[in-house]
Amino acid sequence: MKFLLIMHMNPRVWDALTDEERSAVMEGHGPFLDGIKESGELLGTVALAGPEVSAVVRVQDGALSVSDGPYLESKEFLGGYYLVDVVNRERAHELAAMIPDARVDGLGVEVRPVVFAA
């Protein structure tokens, strides 16, 4: 079963951490990544830049529009993800709990089943 382990970023929570706490989160991804590579459960992973450098593309009435953004009402944005292939939902939850972000108060890891992949 394929699952996306989604890490949301909340700048207010992140900025409240000490330098040591932020380093521990960032460095903690290395052993996690090594472990799921070794187990064969990793299909892919990405870390994303913040929304301040993204753009939104729209086509309305045939006209292309590109704007800075997105300007979200939410305090959180998609920071990255791991795409995994595991035996069941419980294993996906176990893996999500190993991601350092899951241990930061105010952050978390969303576990979402994949219904289509190409």
N, C-alpha and C. Protein backbone atom coordinates (compact mmCIF):
# COMPACT_ATOMS: atom_id res chain seq x y z
N MET A 1 0.84 -1.18 0.00
CA MET A 1 0.00 0.00 0.00
C MET A 1 0.89 1.25 0.00
N LYS A 2 0.52 2.19 -0.85
CA LYS A 2 1.31 3.42 -0.93
C LYS A 2 0.66 4.52 -0.09
N PHE A 3 1.52 5.25 0.61
CA PHE A 3 1.07 6.36 1.44
C PHE A 3 2.00 7.54 1.24
N LEU A 4 1.42 8.72 1.34
CA LEU A 4 2.20 9.95 1.35
C LEU A 4 2.28 10.41 2.81
N LEU A 5 3.49 10.56 3.30
CA LEU A 5 3.73 11.07 4.65
C LEU A 5 4.07 12.55 4.47
N ILE A 6 3.12 13.40 4.78
CA ILE A 6 3.18 14.82 4.44
C ILE A 6 3.61 15.65 5.64
N MET A 7 4.65 16.44 5.43
CA MET A 7 5.14 17.32 6.49
C MET A 7 4.68 18.74 6.20
N HIS A 8 3.90 19.29 7.10
CA HIS A 8 3.43 20.66 6.99
C HIS A 8 4.36 21.55 7.80
N MET A 9 4.61 22.73 7.30
CA MET A 9 5.48 23.68 7.98
C MET A 9 4.64 24.82 8.52
N ASN A 10 4.88 25.17 9.77
CA ASN A 10 4.26 26.33 10.38
C ASN A 10 5.40 27.25 10.82
N PRO A 11 5.63 28.34 10.09
CA PRO A 11 6.77 29.20 10.40
C PRO A 11 6.76 29.72 11.84
N ARG A 12 5.61 29.97 12.38
CA ARG A 12 5.54 30.47 13.76
C ARG A 12 6.06 29.43 14.74
N VAL A 13 5.71 28.17 14.54
CA VAL A 13 6.20 27.08 15.39
C VAL A 13 7.70 26.90 15.16
N TRP A 14 8.13 26.85 13.89
CA TRP A 14 9.53 26.63 13.55
C TRP A 14 10.42 27.74 14.13
N ASP A 15 9.99 28.98 13.99
CA ASP A 15 10.78 30.11 14.48
C ASP A 15 10.88 30.14 16.00
N ALA A 16 9.94 29.51 16.69
CA ALA A 16 9.97 29.48 18.15
C ALA A 16 10.96 28.44 18.69
N LEU A 17 11.44 27.54 17.82
CA LEU A 17 12.40 26.52 18.25
C LEU A 17 13.78 27.15 18.40
N THR A 18 14.59 26.55 19.25
CA THR A 18 15.98 26.99 19.36
C THR A 18 16.76 26.49 18.15
N ASP A 19 17.94 27.03 17.93
CA ASP A 19 18.79 26.56 16.84
C ASP A 19 19.08 25.07 16.98
N GLU A 20 19.31 24.63 18.22
CA GLU A 20 19.60 23.21 18.47
C GLU A 20 18.40 22.34 18.13
N GLU A 21 17.19 22.81 18.48
CA GLU A 21 15.99 22.03 18.18
C GLU A 21 15.76 21.93 16.66
N ARG A 22 15.96 23.03 15.96
CA ARG A 22 15.81 23.01 14.50
C ARG A 22 16.84 22.08 13.86
N SER A 23 18.07 22.14 14.35
CA SER A 23 19.12 21.25 13.83
C SER A 23 18.77 19.78 14.07
N ALA A 24 18.24 19.48 15.26
CA ALA A 24 17.87 18.10 15.58
C ALA A 24 16.79 17.58 14.62
N VAL A 25 15.83 18.43 14.29
CA VAL A 25 14.78 18.02 13.34
C VAL A 25 15.40 17.76 11.97
N MET A 26 16.18 18.71 11.49
CA MET A 26 16.77 18.58 10.15
C MET A 26 17.71 17.37 10.07
N GLU A 27 18.57 17.23 11.04
CA GLU A 27 19.52 16.11 11.03
C GLU A 27 18.84 14.77 11.26
N GLY A 28 17.69 14.77 11.93
CA GLY A 28 16.97 13.53 12.18
C GLY A 28 16.40 12.88 10.94
N HIS A 29 16.26 13.66 9.87
CA HIS A 29 15.74 13.09 8.63
C HIS A 29 16.74 12.13 7.99
N GLY A 30 18.03 12.33 8.21
CA GLY A 30 19.05 11.46 7.62
C GLY A 30 18.90 10.01 8.04
N PRO A 31 18.91 9.71 9.35
CA PRO A 31 18.73 8.32 9.78
C PRO A 31 17.38 7.73 9.36
N PHE A 32 16.32 8.56 9.39
CA PHE A 32 15.01 8.07 8.96
C PHE A 32 15.06 7.68 7.49
N LEU A 33 15.63 8.55 6.67
CA LEU A 33 15.74 8.29 5.24
C LEU A 33 16.58 7.04 4.97
N ASP A 34 17.70 6.92 5.66
CA ASP A 34 18.54 5.73 5.50
C ASP A 34 17.77 4.46 5.85
N GLY A 35 16.99 4.51 6.92
CA GLY A 35 16.23 3.34 7.36
C GLY A 35 15.18 2.89 6.37
N ILE A 36 14.42 3.86 5.81
CA ILE A 36 13.37 3.43 4.87
C ILE A 36 13.93 3.10 3.49
N LYS A 37 15.12 3.60 3.18
CA LYS A 37 15.80 3.15 1.95
C LYS A 37 16.21 1.69 2.12
N GLU A 38 16.83 1.41 3.26
CA GLU A 38 17.31 0.05 3.54
C GLU A 38 16.18 -0.96 3.58
N SER A 39 15.04 -0.57 4.13
CA SER A 39 13.91 -1.49 4.23
C SER A 39 13.19 -1.66 2.89
N GLY A 40 13.49 -0.79 1.93
CA GLY A 40 12.84 -0.86 0.62
C GLY A 40 11.48 -0.18 0.59
N GLU A 41 11.12 0.55 1.64
CA GLU A 41 9.80 1.17 1.71
C GLU A 41 9.74 2.54 1.05
N LEU A 42 10.89 3.17 0.81
CA LEU A 42 10.91 4.51 0.21
C LEU A 42 10.70 4.44 -1.29
N LEU A 43 9.75 5.23 -1.78
CA LEU A 43 9.55 5.38 -3.22
C LEU A 43 10.08 6.73 -3.69
N GLY A 44 10.05 7.73 -2.83
CA GLY A 44 10.55 9.05 -3.19
C GLY A 44 10.34 10.03 -2.06
N THR A 45 11.06 11.14 -2.13
CA THR A 45 10.91 12.19 -1.13
C THR A 45 11.29 13.53 -1.74
N VAL A 46 10.68 14.60 -1.25
CA VAL A 46 11.05 15.95 -1.65
C VAL A 46 10.92 16.88 -0.47
N ALA A 47 11.76 17.90 -0.46
CA ALA A 47 11.62 19.03 0.45
C ALA A 47 11.34 20.24 -0.44
N LEU A 48 10.39 21.05 -0.05
CA LEU A 48 9.96 22.16 -0.88
C LEU A 48 10.39 23.50 -0.30
N ALA A 49 10.65 24.46 -1.18
CA ALA A 49 10.90 25.83 -0.76
C ALA A 49 9.59 26.42 -0.23
N GLY A 50 9.69 27.51 0.47
CA GLY A 50 8.51 28.15 1.05
C GLY A 50 7.64 28.83 0.00
N PRO A 51 6.42 29.14 0.38
CA PRO A 51 5.48 29.75 -0.56
C PRO A 51 5.91 31.15 -1.03
N GLU A 52 6.85 31.77 -0.32
CA GLU A 52 7.30 33.10 -0.73
C GLU A 52 8.04 33.09 -2.07
N VAL A 53 8.46 31.92 -2.53
CA VAL A 53 9.13 31.83 -3.83
C VAL A 53 8.32 31.01 -4.84
N SER A 54 7.07 30.75 -4.53
CA SER A 54 6.24 29.98 -5.45
C SER A 54 5.39 30.92 -6.30
N ALA A 55 4.71 30.34 -7.27
CA ALA A 55 3.82 31.09 -8.15
C ALA A 55 2.55 30.28 -8.33
N VAL A 56 1.48 30.98 -8.65
CA VAL A 56 0.21 30.34 -8.96
C VAL A 56 -0.10 30.63 -10.42
N VAL A 57 -0.37 29.57 -11.19
CA VAL A 57 -0.68 29.70 -12.61
C VAL A 57 -2.16 29.40 -12.79
N ARG A 58 -2.81 30.28 -13.50
CA ARG A 58 -4.24 30.10 -13.79
C ARG A 58 -4.46 30.38 -15.28
N VAL A 59 -5.44 29.70 -15.85
CA VAL A 59 -5.89 30.00 -17.20
C VAL A 59 -7.39 30.26 -17.10
N GLN A 60 -7.76 31.49 -17.41
CA GLN A 60 -9.18 31.86 -17.37
C GLN A 60 -9.55 32.51 -18.69
N ASP A 61 -10.58 31.99 -19.30
CA ASP A 61 -11.01 32.47 -20.62
C ASP A 61 -9.86 32.44 -21.62
N GLY A 62 -8.99 31.42 -21.51
CA GLY A 62 -7.90 31.23 -22.43
C GLY A 62 -6.68 32.09 -22.15
N ALA A 63 -6.74 32.95 -21.14
CA ALA A 63 -5.62 33.84 -20.83
C ALA A 63 -4.82 33.29 -19.66
N LEU A 64 -3.49 33.25 -19.85
CA LEU A 64 -2.57 32.78 -18.82
C LEU A 64 -2.31 33.89 -17.83
N SER A 65 -2.36 33.54 -16.57
CA SER A 65 -2.06 34.48 -15.49
C SER A 65 -1.11 33.81 -14.52
N VAL A 66 -0.01 34.48 -14.19
CA VAL A 66 0.95 33.97 -13.21
C VAL A 66 1.09 35.02 -12.12
N SER A 67 0.89 34.59 -10.87
CA SER A 67 1.00 35.53 -9.76
C SER A 67 1.88 34.94 -8.67
N ASP A 68 2.45 35.81 -7.86
CA ASP A 68 3.19 35.37 -6.69
C ASP A 68 2.23 34.69 -5.75
N GLY A 69 2.76 33.81 -4.94
CA GLY A 69 1.87 33.20 -3.96
C GLY A 69 2.24 31.77 -3.75
N PRO A 70 1.36 30.99 -3.23
CA PRO A 70 -0.02 31.37 -2.93
C PRO A 70 -0.12 32.18 -1.65
N TYR A 71 -1.13 32.98 -1.57
CA TYR A 71 -1.40 33.70 -0.33
C TYR A 71 -2.50 32.93 0.37
N LEU A 72 -2.10 32.14 1.32
CA LEU A 72 -3.01 31.23 1.99
C LEU A 72 -3.57 31.86 3.25
N GLU A 73 -4.77 31.46 3.59
CA GLU A 73 -5.35 31.86 4.87
C GLU A 73 -4.76 31.04 6.00
N SER A 74 -4.22 29.90 5.65
CA SER A 74 -3.66 28.97 6.63
C SER A 74 -2.31 29.45 7.14
N LYS A 75 -1.96 29.03 8.35
CA LYS A 75 -0.66 29.33 8.92
C LYS A 75 0.37 28.30 8.49
N GLU A 76 -0.08 27.20 7.89
CA GLU A 76 0.81 26.11 7.50
C GLU A 76 0.90 26.02 5.99
N PHE A 77 2.00 25.42 5.53
CA PHE A 77 2.14 25.13 4.12
C PHE A 77 2.87 23.80 3.97
N LEU A 78 2.77 23.21 2.79
CA LEU A 78 3.40 21.93 2.50
C LEU A 78 4.91 22.13 2.46
N GLY A 79 5.62 21.43 3.35
CA GLY A 79 7.06 21.55 3.43
C GLY A 79 7.80 20.45 2.70
N GLY A 80 7.16 19.29 2.58
CA GLY A 80 7.79 18.16 1.91
C GLY A 80 7.03 16.89 2.18
N TYR A 81 7.51 15.81 1.60
CA TYR A 81 6.84 14.53 1.83
C TYR A 81 7.78 13.37 1.57
N TYR A 82 7.37 12.24 2.10
CA TYR A 82 7.97 10.94 1.77
C TYR A 82 6.86 10.11 1.15
N LEU A 83 7.14 9.49 0.01
CA LEU A 83 6.22 8.55 -0.61
C LEU A 83 6.74 7.16 -0.27
N VAL A 84 5.91 6.37 0.41
CA VAL A 84 6.34 5.05 0.87
C VAL A 84 5.40 3.97 0.38
N ASP A 85 5.92 2.77 0.31
CA ASP A 85 5.13 1.59 -0.02
C ASP A 85 5.31 0.62 1.14
N VAL A 86 4.23 0.42 1.91
CA VAL A 86 4.30 -0.36 3.14
C VAL A 86 3.23 -1.44 3.15
N VAL A 87 3.33 -2.35 4.10
CA VAL A 87 2.39 -3.49 4.15
C VAL A 87 0.99 -3.08 4.56
N ASN A 88 0.85 -2.04 5.38
CA ASN A 88 -0.48 -1.64 5.83
C ASN A 88 -0.45 -0.22 6.41
N ARG A 89 -1.63 0.26 6.74
CA ARG A 89 -1.80 1.62 7.28
C ARG A 89 -1.04 1.80 8.59
N GLU A 90 -1.05 0.77 9.42
CA GLU A 90 -0.37 0.85 10.71
C GLU A 90 1.13 1.09 10.53
N ARG A 91 1.73 0.45 9.53
CA ARG A 91 3.15 0.66 9.26
C ARG A 91 3.38 2.10 8.80
N ALA A 92 2.48 2.64 7.99
CA ALA A 92 2.60 4.03 7.57
C ALA A 92 2.58 4.95 8.79
N HIS A 93 1.72 4.65 9.75
CA HIS A 93 1.66 5.43 10.99
C HIS A 93 2.96 5.30 11.78
N GLU A 94 3.50 4.10 11.83
CA GLU A 94 4.78 3.89 12.53
C GLU A 94 5.89 4.73 11.89
N LEU A 95 5.94 4.71 10.56
CA LEU A 95 6.96 5.50 9.88
C LEU A 95 6.77 6.99 10.12
N ALA A 96 5.53 7.45 10.05
CA ALA A 96 5.25 8.87 10.29
C ALA A 96 5.72 9.29 11.67
N ALA A 97 5.55 8.42 12.65
CA ALA A 97 5.97 8.73 14.02
C ALA A 97 7.48 8.82 14.14
N MET A 98 8.21 8.22 13.21
CA MET A 98 9.68 8.27 13.24
C MET A 98 10.23 9.56 12.64
N ILE A 99 9.43 10.28 11.89
CA ILE A 99 9.87 11.52 11.26
C ILE A 99 10.02 12.57 12.36
N PRO A 100 11.16 13.25 12.44
CA PRO A 100 11.42 14.19 13.53
C PRO A 100 10.35 15.27 13.69
N ASP A 101 9.74 15.70 12.62
CA ASP A 101 8.71 16.74 12.68
C ASP A 101 7.53 16.32 13.56
N ALA A 102 7.27 15.01 13.63
CA ALA A 102 6.14 14.51 14.42
C ALA A 102 6.33 14.76 15.92
N ARG A 103 7.57 14.97 16.34
CA ARG A 103 7.85 15.19 17.76
C ARG A 103 7.87 16.66 18.14
N VAL A 104 7.65 17.55 17.17
CA VAL A 104 7.66 18.98 17.46
C VAL A 104 6.24 19.43 17.78
N ASP A 105 6.07 19.98 18.96
CA ASP A 105 4.77 20.47 19.39
C ASP A 105 4.28 21.53 18.41
N GLY A 106 3.12 21.33 17.82
CA GLY A 106 2.56 22.27 16.86
C GLY A 106 2.76 21.86 15.42
N LEU A 107 3.60 20.85 15.18
CA LEU A 107 3.75 20.30 13.83
C LEU A 107 3.17 18.89 13.84
N GLY A 108 3.35 18.16 12.80
CA GLY A 108 2.86 16.79 12.71
C GLY A 108 3.10 16.26 11.32
N VAL A 109 2.77 15.02 11.11
CA VAL A 109 2.93 14.38 9.81
C VAL A 109 1.59 13.79 9.41
N GLU A 110 1.06 14.25 8.30
CA GLU A 110 -0.20 13.73 7.79
C GLU A 110 0.07 12.46 7.00
N VAL A 111 -0.73 11.44 7.22
CA VAL A 111 -0.60 10.16 6.51
C VAL A 111 -1.82 10.03 5.61
N ARG A 112 -1.55 10.00 4.30
CA ARG A 112 -2.66 9.93 3.34
C ARG A 112 -2.44 8.81 2.35
N PRO A 113 -3.43 7.91 2.19
CA PRO A 113 -3.30 6.84 1.20
C PRO A 113 -3.23 7.41 -0.22
N VAL A 114 -2.44 6.76 -1.06
CA VAL A 114 -2.34 7.13 -2.47
C VAL A 114 -3.37 6.29 -3.23
N VAL A 115 -4.21 6.96 -4.01
CA VAL A 115 -5.22 6.22 -4.77
C VAL A 115 -4.84 6.07 -6.23
N PHE A 116 -3.86 6.85 -6.70
CA PHE A 116 -3.37 6.73 -8.07
C PHE A 116 -1.94 7.26 -8.11
N ALA A 117 -1.09 6.58 -8.83
CA ALA A 117 0.28 7.04 -9.06
C ALA A 117 0.70 6.58 -10.44
N ALA A 118 1.44 7.42 -11.13
CA ALA A 118 1.91 7.07 -12.48
C ALA A 118 3.42 7.23 -12.53
